[in-house]
Amino acid sequence: MRKHNRRSFLKGALGATAASALSAPLADAAGTIVGSNERFRMAIAGLKGRGGAHIGGFAGISNLEIAYLVDPDENQVNRRIKEVNGRVKGRYKPEGIADIRDALEDKTVDAISVATPNHWHSLMTIWAAQAKKHCYVEKPASHDVYEGRVAMEAWKKYGVVIQHGTQRRSDARYAGVHEAIKAGKWGKLKIAYGYCCKPRGGIGFKKPSDPPSNLDWDLWQGPAKVGEYHGNYVHYNWHWFWNTGNGDLNNQGTHQLDVARWALDDDQTHPIRVIGLGGRFQWNDQGETPNTMFAAAEYPNGQWVFFNVRNVNYKGYQHQVLNEYYFEDGGRLVQDGHVYIPPGKTKGERIKVKPGKVTPGGNWKSFITACREGDPMLVNGNMAEAHYGCVLGHLMNNSYRLGKEVPFNAKAGKFGDNKDAYEHFMKLHSIMKDGVGVPEDKAKYTVGPWLKFDPKTERHIGDHAEAANKLLRDPNRKGFEIPDVSVV
């Protein structure tokens, strides 16, 4: 495994002439369009978890070579090299490296895929765009609002293909449901609702210690100001700390957030106000993000997105990782849009919809197709869609982070005259009280404020704006700074 050498990266990249517009063909590093019969070379960064799915997805594509396997953990690199060598049986041999910048400096590399912890997603995407490399980036595409905006501007400026790891965008049935919703098949959409309710457990406490010898801790931290190492960061529980993760709302929930926003009218980008409330109940561990949450966001046209996180396990747990859609006349689509329940009814019928428009091949092959065709808009889930969906989750989380503790009871949910929001909050509250057994008035909810947001400036306005705007951009470590949006 080749260690990173901190050499200068992308000399002159920020001063380079912008690439052609998004509608124009893309060129590879040598200045030619990569055709379907030419070998396509990739680097895969982040190898422990989702990286395995990336390897499996890309290794089976003809004329594609995994040139680099990238991870600051030498053990993970060695394990995956052995795996890939077993898959490709001598057709090529990947090189193991610790620093993605070494792969980006290789002019024969066409694209990278990013399966690292969240705090690395945007920076690697930006670096890839500056190096004129295509990028498949896992969800969420950003760790905060600002870096997502920079990544989107880099996508526009350099004209590369960027695809978000929201696989439902590659499903023709999901596309068909949303096309039917927007065509008014069931009337006007009122609320798009996402659920991220899957059982998880507490992570306990890990004391600070020296990082293991196989781990480059400096590279693992990258842009995130983490500080001391402890075992709950590496390799998965970083999800539950704000400086590296975004909780389950913008982890698994990114899929359902994206699907919910997908159902809104096409001209809706960001919400104009959001609220989030919940808590981290029962686990008594060092994690920071909530394991229980209800959030709501209103868009300029009056449509809403509701979201529900429920990770605490209990007897009779109802697993829900899905979406529902509520219409102004009282009708609703449930079970991920498979069943329509008419107004005033409690039971519905399974529906059939015409498959929607997607680039075929699933999420992996559709990405390669877009790269070979040189068309950034051919992907299923481009950088603009990624940004708008991720910001929705960031804003909900930020409301929660600015929240105050109140007694655990039905009065915690204050949504003004929004009876729908209160009704759905109460469903969650009842489960936590009666199912999980959280004692009423003896535990605490954290209730965030309503945060107003300007979709055009991507800044908060009104009450709480000063505190909320501070959460839009994370501080970065020296050498791993997100570039300013004006010079990306």
Protein backbone atom coordinates (compact mmCIF):
# COMPACT_ATOMS: atom_id res chain seq x y z
CA MET A 1 0.00 0.00 0.00
CA ARG A 2 1.42 3.33 -1.08
CA LYS A 3 1.30 5.94 1.71
CA HIS A 4 0.30 9.50 0.92
CA ASN A 5 3.21 11.89 0.48
CA ARG A 6 1.49 15.26 0.99
CA ARG A 7 2.80 16.42 -2.39
CA SER A 8 1.19 19.44 -4.00
CA PHE A 9 -2.21 18.65 -5.43
CA LEU A 10 -3.71 19.77 -8.71
CA LYS A 11 -1.32 22.60 -9.38
CA GLY A 12 -3.21 25.45 -10.90
CA ALA A 13 -6.56 23.70 -10.69
CA LEU A 14 -8.35 26.70 -9.25
CA GLY A 15 -7.07 28.91 -12.02
CA ALA A 16 -7.94 26.53 -14.81
CA THR A 17 -10.38 27.48 -17.53
CA ALA A 18 -13.88 26.17 -16.82
CA ALA A 19 -14.95 23.08 -18.68
CA SER A 20 -17.70 23.14 -21.26
CA ALA A 21 -21.34 23.50 -20.28
CA LEU A 22 -23.21 20.54 -18.80
CA SER A 23 -24.91 19.81 -22.09
CA ALA A 24 -21.61 19.36 -23.95
CA PRO A 25 -19.67 16.08 -24.32
CA LEU A 26 -17.17 15.35 -21.60
CA ALA A 27 -13.52 14.72 -22.20
CA ASP A 28 -11.25 12.46 -20.21
CA ALA A 29 -7.94 13.64 -18.76
CA ALA A 30 -6.26 13.21 -22.12
CA GLY A 31 -8.89 15.40 -23.80
CA THR A 32 -10.88 12.68 -25.54
CA ILE A 33 -14.34 11.30 -24.89
CA VAL A 34 -14.23 7.87 -23.28
CA GLY A 35 -16.01 5.49 -25.63
CA SER A 36 -17.87 2.31 -24.72
CA ASN A 37 -15.11 0.10 -26.12
CA GLU A 38 -12.28 1.83 -24.28
CA ARG A 39 -11.10 0.73 -20.86
CA PHE A 40 -12.53 2.90 -18.09
CA ARG A 41 -10.27 3.29 -15.03
CA MET A 42 -11.62 4.02 -11.55
CA ALA A 43 -10.45 4.58 -8.00
CA ILE A 44 -12.68 3.47 -5.12
CA ALA A 45 -12.23 5.36 -1.86
CA GLY A 46 -13.53 4.06 1.47
CA LEU A 47 -13.36 0.28 1.67
CA LYS A 48 -14.85 -0.99 4.92
CA GLY A 49 -18.62 -0.79 4.45
CA ARG A 50 -20.29 0.57 1.31
CA GLY A 51 -16.96 0.32 -0.46
CA GLY A 52 -17.59 -3.39 -0.75
CA ALA A 53 -20.81 -2.70 -2.65
CA HIS A 54 -18.94 -0.30 -4.94
CA ILE A 55 -16.36 -2.97 -5.68
CA GLY A 56 -19.07 -5.51 -6.39
CA GLY A 57 -21.00 -3.10 -8.58
CA PHE A 58 -18.14 -1.81 -10.70
CA ALA A 59 -15.99 -4.95 -10.91
CA GLY A 60 -18.60 -6.71 -13.02
CA ILE A 61 -18.77 -4.03 -15.73
CA SER A 62 -16.98 -4.87 -18.95
CA ASN A 63 -14.00 -2.77 -19.98
CA LEU A 64 -13.81 -1.25 -16.51
CA GLU A 65 -10.68 -1.44 -14.40
CA ILE A 66 -10.50 -0.68 -10.68
CA ALA A 67 -7.12 1.00 -10.80
CA TYR A 68 -6.86 2.10 -7.16
CA LEU A 69 -8.29 0.99 -3.85
CA VAL A 70 -8.05 3.88 -1.40
CA ASP A 71 -8.32 3.88 2.39
CA PRO A 72 -6.30 5.25 5.32
CA ASP A 73 -6.61 1.81 6.96
CA GLU A 74 -3.92 -0.44 5.52
CA ASN A 75 -5.75 -3.57 6.65
CA GLN A 76 -8.83 -2.63 4.63
CA VAL A 77 -6.73 -1.93 1.55
CA ASN A 78 -4.96 -5.27 1.75
CA ARG A 79 -8.25 -7.11 2.29
CA ARG A 80 -9.93 -5.49 -0.69
CA ILE A 81 -6.92 -5.95 -2.99
CA LYS A 82 -7.13 -9.66 -2.30
CA GLU A 83 -10.87 -9.59 -2.99
CA VAL A 84 -10.55 -7.72 -6.30
CA ASN A 85 -7.68 -9.90 -7.48
CA GLY A 86 -9.89 -12.91 -6.84
CA ARG A 87 -12.71 -11.38 -8.85
CA VAL A 88 -10.78 -10.23 -11.92
CA LYS A 89 -8.41 -13.22 -12.11
CA GLY A 90 -5.40 -11.42 -13.50
CA ARG A 91 -7.12 -9.14 -16.00
CA TYR A 92 -5.60 -6.25 -14.06
CA LYS A 93 -4.16 -5.57 -10.62
CA PRO A 94 -5.40 -2.66 -8.49
CA GLU A 95 -2.97 -0.54 -6.54
CA GLY A 96 -3.58 0.15 -2.87
CA ILE A 97 -3.08 3.73 -1.65
CA ALA A 98 -4.03 5.80 1.38
CA ASP A 99 -4.66 9.22 -0.23
CA ILE A 100 -7.22 9.83 -3.00
CA ARG A 101 -5.06 12.68 -4.30
CA ASP A 102 -2.55 10.19 -5.65
CA ALA A 103 -5.27 8.63 -7.80
CA LEU A 104 -6.56 12.02 -8.92
CA GLU A 105 -3.09 12.97 -10.14
CA ASP A 106 -3.03 9.89 -12.39
CA LYS A 107 -4.11 11.15 -15.81
CA THR A 108 -5.25 7.67 -16.84
CA VAL A 109 -7.95 7.58 -14.15
CA ASP A 110 -11.39 8.48 -15.51
CA ALA A 111 -13.50 8.51 -12.34
CA ILE A 112 -13.61 7.90 -8.62
CA SER A 113 -16.28 6.53 -6.34
CA VAL A 114 -16.56 7.76 -2.76
CA ALA A 115 -17.72 5.45 0.04
CA THR A 116 -15.87 7.17 2.86
CA PRO A 117 -17.36 8.62 6.06
CA ASN A 118 -19.70 11.56 5.39
CA HIS A 119 -17.22 14.30 6.29
CA TRP A 120 -15.08 13.37 3.27
CA HIS A 121 -17.84 13.16 0.64
CA SER A 122 -17.95 16.73 -0.66
CA LEU A 123 -14.22 17.41 -0.57
CA MET A 124 -13.43 14.32 -2.64
CA THR A 125 -16.22 15.22 -5.06
CA ILE A 126 -14.84 18.75 -5.43
CA TRP A 127 -11.29 17.51 -5.90
CA ALA A 128 -12.50 15.05 -8.53
CA ALA A 129 -14.31 17.78 -10.47
CA GLN A 130 -11.24 20.02 -10.36
CA ALA A 131 -9.17 17.14 -11.72
CA LYS A 132 -11.75 16.61 -14.52
CA LYS A 133 -12.68 13.20 -13.12
CA HIS A 134 -16.22 11.87 -12.89
CA CYS A 135 -17.49 10.97 -9.43
CA TYR A 136 -19.98 8.55 -7.91
CA VAL A 137 -20.53 9.76 -4.34
CA GLU A 138 -22.32 7.92 -1.58
CA LYS A 139 -25.18 9.49 0.30
CA PRO A 140 -25.26 12.04 1.74
CA ALA A 141 -23.33 13.99 -0.87
CA SER A 142 -22.46 16.59 1.76
CA HIS A 143 -21.84 16.84 5.47
CA ASP A 144 -23.10 20.42 5.64
CA VAL A 145 -25.05 22.86 3.48
CA TYR A 146 -22.12 25.00 2.33
CA GLU A 147 -19.87 22.23 1.09
CA GLY A 148 -22.80 20.77 -0.83
CA ARG A 149 -23.23 24.10 -2.60
CA VAL A 150 -19.51 24.17 -3.48
CA ALA A 151 -19.73 20.62 -4.84
CA MET A 152 -22.70 21.63 -7.00
CA GLU A 153 -20.88 24.68 -8.34
CA ALA A 154 -17.84 22.49 -9.14
CA TRP A 155 -20.15 20.12 -11.01
CA LYS A 156 -21.50 23.03 -13.06
CA LYS A 157 -18.11 24.59 -13.71
CA TYR A 158 -16.12 21.54 -14.74
CA GLY A 159 -18.89 19.67 -16.52
CA VAL A 160 -18.12 16.27 -15.03
CA VAL A 161 -20.58 13.50 -14.30
CA ILE A 162 -21.54 13.28 -10.61
CA GLN A 163 -24.02 10.66 -9.47
CA HIS A 164 -25.44 10.41 -5.95
CA GLY A 165 -25.71 7.04 -4.22
CA THR A 166 -29.50 7.20 -3.89
CA GLN A 167 -30.27 3.95 -5.66
CA ARG A 168 -34.04 4.49 -5.79
CA ARG A 169 -33.40 7.07 -8.50
CA SER A 170 -32.45 4.13 -10.75
CA ASP A 171 -35.72 2.29 -10.10
CA ALA A 172 -38.21 2.78 -12.94
CA ARG A 173 -41.16 2.06 -10.64
CA TYR A 174 -40.23 4.82 -8.20
CA ALA A 175 -39.78 7.13 -11.19
CA GLY A 176 -43.19 6.11 -12.49
CA VAL A 177 -44.90 6.81 -9.16
CA HIS A 178 -43.44 10.29 -9.03
CA GLU A 179 -44.32 11.02 -12.63
CA ALA A 180 -47.92 10.01 -11.86
CA ILE A 181 -48.02 12.15 -8.71
CA LYS A 182 -46.77 15.19 -10.61
CA ALA A 183 -49.29 14.55 -13.39
CA GLY A 184 -52.08 14.82 -10.80
CA LYS A 185 -53.27 11.20 -10.96
CA TRP A 186 -54.42 11.34 -7.29
CA GLY A 187 -54.92 15.09 -7.02
CA LYS A 188 -52.62 17.70 -5.54
CA LEU A 189 -49.82 16.38 -3.31
CA LYS A 190 -49.93 17.86 0.18
CA ILE A 191 -47.32 15.92 2.20
CA ALA A 192 -44.45 13.64 1.16
CA TYR A 193 -43.48 11.52 4.15
CA GLY A 194 -40.29 9.53 4.71
CA TYR A 195 -39.58 6.92 7.39
CA CYS A 196 -36.20 5.71 8.60
CA CYS A 197 -37.33 3.26 11.26
CA LYS A 198 -34.85 0.41 11.58
CA PRO A 199 -33.63 -1.02 14.89
CA ARG A 200 -30.17 -0.12 16.06
CA GLY A 201 -28.37 -0.30 19.40
CA GLY A 202 -26.25 1.87 21.63
CA ILE A 203 -22.51 2.18 21.06
CA GLY A 204 -21.34 2.42 24.67
CA PHE A 205 -18.29 4.49 25.57
CA LYS A 206 -14.77 4.35 24.15
CA LYS A 207 -11.93 6.21 25.84
CA PRO A 208 -9.41 8.26 23.85
CA SER A 209 -6.38 6.23 22.84
CA ASP A 210 -3.63 6.05 20.27
CA PRO A 211 -4.93 5.05 16.83
CA PRO A 212 -3.95 1.56 15.64
CA SER A 213 -0.73 1.31 13.66
CA ASN A 214 -2.57 0.29 10.50
CA LEU A 215 -4.61 3.52 10.45
CA ASP A 216 -3.47 6.90 9.14
CA TRP A 217 -5.50 8.96 11.60
CA ASP A 218 -4.58 12.27 9.99
CA LEU A 219 -6.01 11.15 6.66
CA TRP A 220 -9.07 9.55 8.23
CA GLN A 221 -9.97 12.88 9.87
CA GLY A 222 -9.34 14.82 6.66
CA PRO A 223 -11.48 17.99 6.75
CA ALA A 224 -13.25 17.14 10.04
CA LYS A 225 -12.01 18.62 13.29
CA VAL A 226 -12.16 15.49 15.41
CA GLY A 227 -9.09 15.58 17.65
CA GLU A 228 -8.37 12.54 19.77
CA TYR A 229 -8.95 9.08 18.41
CA HIS A 230 -11.35 6.68 20.07
CA GLY A 231 -12.66 3.35 18.88
CA ASN A 232 -16.23 4.51 18.34
CA TYR A 233 -15.21 6.53 15.30
CA VAL A 234 -13.62 3.81 13.19
CA HIS A 235 -15.17 2.14 11.23
CA TYR A 236 -18.92 2.71 11.54
CA ASN A 237 -20.06 4.62 14.60
CA TRP A 238 -18.76 7.92 13.22
CA HIS A 239 -22.35 8.18 11.91
CA TRP A 240 -23.54 9.17 15.40
CA PHE A 241 -21.18 12.15 15.98
CA TRP A 242 -21.93 15.56 14.49
CA ASN A 243 -18.38 16.33 13.34
CA THR A 244 -18.22 13.22 11.12
CA GLY A 245 -21.80 11.99 10.59
CA ASN A 246 -25.36 13.22 10.28
CA GLY A 247 -27.33 10.69 12.31
CA ASP A 248 -29.76 8.27 10.72
CA LEU A 249 -31.84 11.14 9.30
CA ASN A 250 -29.09 11.79 6.74
CA ASN A 251 -27.68 8.28 6.74
CA GLN A 252 -30.24 5.63 5.78
CA GLY A 253 -32.78 8.43 5.81
CA THR A 254 -31.10 10.21 2.90
CA HIS A 255 -32.77 7.68 0.58
CA GLN A 256 -36.24 8.40 1.94
CA LEU A 257 -35.62 12.16 2.13
CA ASP A 258 -34.60 12.14 -1.52
CA VAL A 259 -37.70 10.15 -2.50
CA ALA A 260 -39.94 12.51 -0.53
CA ARG A 261 -38.46 15.61 -2.16
CA TRP A 262 -38.63 13.90 -5.56
CA ALA A 263 -42.43 13.85 -5.25
CA LEU A 264 -42.71 17.64 -4.84
CA ASP A 265 -43.37 19.97 -7.74
CA ASP A 266 -40.33 20.21 -10.00
CA ASP A 267 -39.72 23.90 -9.29
CA GLN A 268 -39.23 23.36 -5.54
CA THR A 269 -35.59 23.38 -4.42
CA HIS A 270 -35.25 24.13 -0.70
CA PRO A 271 -37.81 24.52 2.09
CA ILE A 272 -38.65 27.91 3.56
CA ARG A 273 -38.95 26.67 7.14
CA VAL A 274 -38.16 23.52 9.10
CA ILE A 275 -38.48 22.05 12.58
CA GLY A 276 -36.97 18.96 14.21
CA LEU A 277 -37.54 17.35 17.62
CA GLY A 278 -36.66 14.05 19.26
CA GLY A 279 -34.02 12.56 21.48
CA ARG A 280 -31.47 9.84 22.11
CA PHE A 281 -33.43 7.56 24.42
CA GLN A 282 -32.41 4.59 26.59
CA TRP A 283 -28.97 3.91 25.14
CA ASN A 284 -26.96 6.07 27.58
CA ASP A 285 -23.91 6.08 25.32
CA GLN A 286 -21.51 8.67 23.91
CA GLY A 287 -23.35 9.09 20.62
CA GLU A 288 -24.65 12.59 19.87
CA THR A 289 -27.28 12.24 17.15
CA PRO A 290 -30.94 11.41 17.93
CA ASN A 291 -32.26 7.87 17.70
CA THR A 292 -35.83 9.19 17.65
CA MET A 293 -36.95 12.18 15.62
CA PHE A 294 -39.90 13.84 13.94
CA ALA A 295 -39.22 16.67 11.50
CA ALA A 296 -41.27 18.81 9.13
CA ALA A 297 -40.36 21.16 6.28
CA GLU A 298 -42.58 23.57 4.36
CA TYR A 299 -41.79 24.51 0.75
CA PRO A 300 -42.60 27.80 -1.03
CA ASN A 301 -45.62 26.30 -2.82
CA GLY A 302 -47.17 25.04 0.43
CA GLN A 303 -46.18 21.39 0.03
CA TRP A 304 -44.60 19.65 3.02
CA VAL A 305 -42.07 16.95 3.76
CA PHE A 306 -42.43 15.04 7.04
CA PHE A 307 -39.78 12.68 8.36
CA ASN A 308 -39.65 10.06 11.09
CA VAL A 309 -36.55 8.43 12.62
CA ARG A 310 -37.11 5.59 15.07
CA ASN A 311 -34.13 3.36 15.87
CA VAL A 312 -34.83 2.19 19.44
CA ASN A 313 -35.73 -1.49 19.44
CA TYR A 314 -38.64 -2.96 21.40
CA LYS A 315 -40.94 -5.97 21.34
CA GLY A 316 -43.20 -5.73 18.31
CA TYR A 317 -40.94 -3.20 16.53
CA GLN A 318 -42.47 -1.96 13.29
CA HIS A 319 -39.74 -1.78 10.68
CA GLN A 320 -40.44 1.11 8.28
CA VAL A 321 -37.92 2.24 5.70
CA LEU A 322 -40.30 3.64 3.15
CA ASN A 323 -42.32 6.58 1.86
CA GLU A 324 -45.95 7.70 1.95
CA TYR A 325 -47.79 10.43 0.08
CA TYR A 326 -50.79 12.43 1.33
CA PHE A 327 -53.06 14.38 -1.02
CA GLU A 328 -55.21 17.44 -0.45
CA ASP A 329 -58.48 15.53 -0.89
CA GLY A 330 -57.58 13.07 1.89
CA GLY A 331 -56.36 10.23 -0.32
CA ARG A 332 -52.96 8.68 0.29
CA LEU A 333 -50.37 6.40 -1.23
CA VAL A 334 -48.75 4.04 1.28
CA GLN A 335 -46.29 1.12 1.28
CA ASP A 336 -43.77 2.95 -0.91
CA GLY A 337 -46.51 3.94 -3.34
CA HIS A 338 -47.79 0.42 -3.91
CA VAL A 339 -51.22 0.97 -2.32
CA TYR A 340 -53.69 3.84 -2.78
CA ILE A 341 -56.25 4.52 -0.02
CA PRO A 342 -59.10 6.76 -1.25
CA PRO A 343 -60.41 9.69 0.84
CA GLY A 344 -62.42 8.56 3.83
CA LYS A 345 -61.32 4.93 3.55
CA THR A 346 -59.04 2.86 5.78
CA LYS A 347 -58.18 0.17 3.24
CA GLY A 348 -56.83 0.50 -0.24
CA GLU A 349 -55.90 -1.42 -3.36
CA ARG A 350 -52.57 -2.15 -4.96
CA ILE A 351 -51.91 0.05 -7.93
CA LYS A 352 -49.99 -0.25 -11.13
CA VAL A 353 -48.07 2.61 -12.68
CA LYS A 354 -46.26 2.94 -15.96
CA PRO A 355 -42.48 2.65 -15.49
CA GLY A 356 -40.83 6.06 -15.35
CA LYS A 357 -37.84 7.39 -17.21
CA VAL A 358 -34.46 6.26 -15.90
CA THR A 359 -31.13 5.51 -17.47
CA PRO A 360 -31.05 1.69 -17.54
CA GLY A 361 -28.43 -0.47 -15.86
CA GLY A 362 -29.08 0.25 -12.21
CA ASN A 363 -27.09 2.78 -10.22
CA TRP A 364 -23.65 1.41 -11.16
CA LYS A 365 -24.01 0.89 -14.90
CA SER A 366 -26.07 4.04 -15.39
CA PHE A 367 -23.19 6.05 -13.94
CA ILE A 368 -20.72 4.47 -16.35
CA THR A 369 -23.12 5.03 -19.23
CA ALA A 370 -23.33 8.74 -18.41
CA CYS A 371 -19.53 8.94 -18.19
CA ARG A 372 -19.01 7.19 -21.52
CA GLU A 373 -21.68 9.32 -23.19
CA GLY A 374 -20.23 12.49 -21.67
CA ASP A 375 -23.63 13.59 -20.36
CA PRO A 376 -23.91 14.78 -16.72
CA MET A 377 -27.71 14.83 -16.95
CA LEU A 378 -27.92 11.17 -17.94
CA VAL A 379 -27.28 9.90 -14.42
CA ASN A 380 -30.05 8.80 -12.08
CA GLY A 381 -29.60 11.34 -9.30
CA ASN A 382 -27.32 14.20 -10.33
CA MET A 383 -25.50 16.66 -8.09
CA ALA A 384 -28.33 19.20 -8.04
CA GLU A 385 -30.85 16.60 -6.91
CA ALA A 386 -28.33 15.36 -4.38
CA HIS A 387 -27.78 18.83 -2.97
CA TYR A 388 -31.45 19.68 -2.57
CA GLY A 389 -32.22 16.39 -0.85
CA CYS A 390 -29.23 16.56 1.49
CA VAL A 391 -29.90 20.16 2.50
CA LEU A 392 -33.40 19.14 3.55
CA GLY A 393 -31.88 16.72 6.05
CA HIS A 394 -29.20 19.13 7.21
CA LEU A 395 -31.77 21.80 8.03
CA MET A 396 -33.94 19.36 9.97
CA ASN A 397 -30.90 18.22 11.93
CA ASN A 398 -29.84 21.79 12.59
CA SER A 399 -33.19 22.66 14.11
CA TYR A 400 -32.79 19.71 16.46
CA ARG A 401 -29.21 20.77 17.31
CA LEU A 402 -30.48 24.19 18.37
CA GLY A 403 -33.27 22.68 20.43
CA LYS A 404 -34.07 22.92 24.12
CA GLU A 405 -35.03 20.11 26.45
CA VAL A 406 -38.67 19.84 27.49
CA PRO A 407 -40.56 17.09 29.37
CA PHE A 408 -41.30 13.93 27.39
CA ASN A 409 -45.03 14.31 26.80
CA ALA A 410 -47.58 15.16 24.13
CA LYS A 411 -47.14 18.91 24.68
CA ALA A 412 -43.63 18.78 23.22
CA GLY A 413 -44.95 18.87 19.66
CA LYS A 414 -45.91 22.45 18.93
CA PHE A 415 -46.66 22.96 15.25
CA GLY A 416 -49.00 25.91 15.33
CA ASP A 417 -52.15 25.12 13.39
CA ASN A 418 -50.55 22.24 11.45
CA LYS A 419 -52.81 19.40 12.58
CA ASP A 420 -51.13 16.94 10.23
CA ALA A 421 -47.73 17.46 11.84
CA TYR A 422 -49.17 17.08 15.33
CA GLU A 423 -51.02 13.90 14.35
CA HIS A 424 -47.88 12.25 13.02
CA PHE A 425 -45.77 13.41 15.95
CA MET A 426 -48.31 11.83 18.28
CA LYS A 427 -48.03 8.51 16.46
CA LEU A 428 -44.30 8.54 17.14
CA HIS A 429 -44.81 9.69 20.73
CA SER A 430 -47.26 6.88 21.41
CA ILE A 431 -44.81 4.29 20.13
CA MET A 432 -42.01 5.66 22.26
CA LYS A 433 -44.22 5.87 25.35
CA ASP A 434 -46.20 2.64 25.06
CA GLY A 435 -43.90 0.48 22.94
CA VAL A 436 -40.41 1.49 24.00
CA GLY A 437 -41.49 2.42 27.51
CA VAL A 438 -39.99 5.89 27.77
CA PRO A 439 -41.52 7.29 31.00
CA GLU A 440 -43.73 10.30 30.38
CA ASP A 441 -42.52 13.50 32.11
CA LYS A 442 -39.46 11.64 33.47
CA ALA A 443 -37.46 11.80 30.23
CA LYS A 444 -36.74 14.73 27.92
CA TYR A 445 -37.42 15.65 24.32
CA THR A 446 -35.11 18.05 22.55
CA VAL A 447 -37.38 20.44 20.64
CA GLY A 448 -35.82 22.57 17.94
CA PRO A 449 -37.09 25.98 16.84
CA TRP A 450 -38.79 26.76 13.57
CA LEU A 451 -35.95 27.87 11.29
CA LYS A 452 -36.73 30.08 8.31
CA PHE A 453 -34.57 29.57 5.21
CA ASP A 454 -34.06 31.52 1.99
CA PRO A 455 -33.81 29.00 -0.88
CA LYS A 456 -32.00 31.47 -3.15
CA THR A 457 -29.22 32.57 -0.79
CA GLU A 458 -29.14 29.29 1.17
CA ARG A 459 -29.05 31.28 4.39
CA HIS A 460 -31.34 31.43 7.40
CA ILE A 461 -33.42 34.52 8.05
CA GLY A 462 -35.59 35.67 10.94
CA ASP A 463 -35.49 34.28 14.47
CA HIS A 464 -32.52 32.06 15.35
CA ALA A 465 -30.79 32.97 12.06
CA GLU A 466 -27.43 33.82 13.63
CA ALA A 467 -27.11 30.50 15.45
CA ALA A 468 -28.55 28.49 12.57
CA ASN A 469 -26.24 30.04 9.97
CA LYS A 470 -23.22 28.95 12.01
CA LEU A 471 -24.30 25.35 11.45
CA LEU A 472 -24.38 25.71 7.66
CA ARG A 473 -20.60 25.36 7.34
CA ASP A 474 -18.32 23.14 9.38
CA PRO A 475 -14.83 24.27 10.36
CA ASN A 476 -12.11 22.42 8.42
CA ARG A 477 -8.66 21.20 9.34
CA LYS A 478 -5.66 22.83 7.69
CA GLY A 479 -4.78 21.19 4.41
CA PHE A 480 -8.29 19.83 3.90
CA GLU A 481 -10.29 23.03 3.49
CA ILE A 482 -13.45 23.20 1.39
CA PRO A 483 -12.62 25.88 -1.21
CA ASP A 484 -14.64 29.06 -1.30
CA VAL A 485 -17.59 28.81 -3.65
CA SER A 486 -16.37 31.86 -5.59
CA VAL A 487 -13.10 30.21 -6.65
CA VAL A 488 -13.93 26.53 -6.86
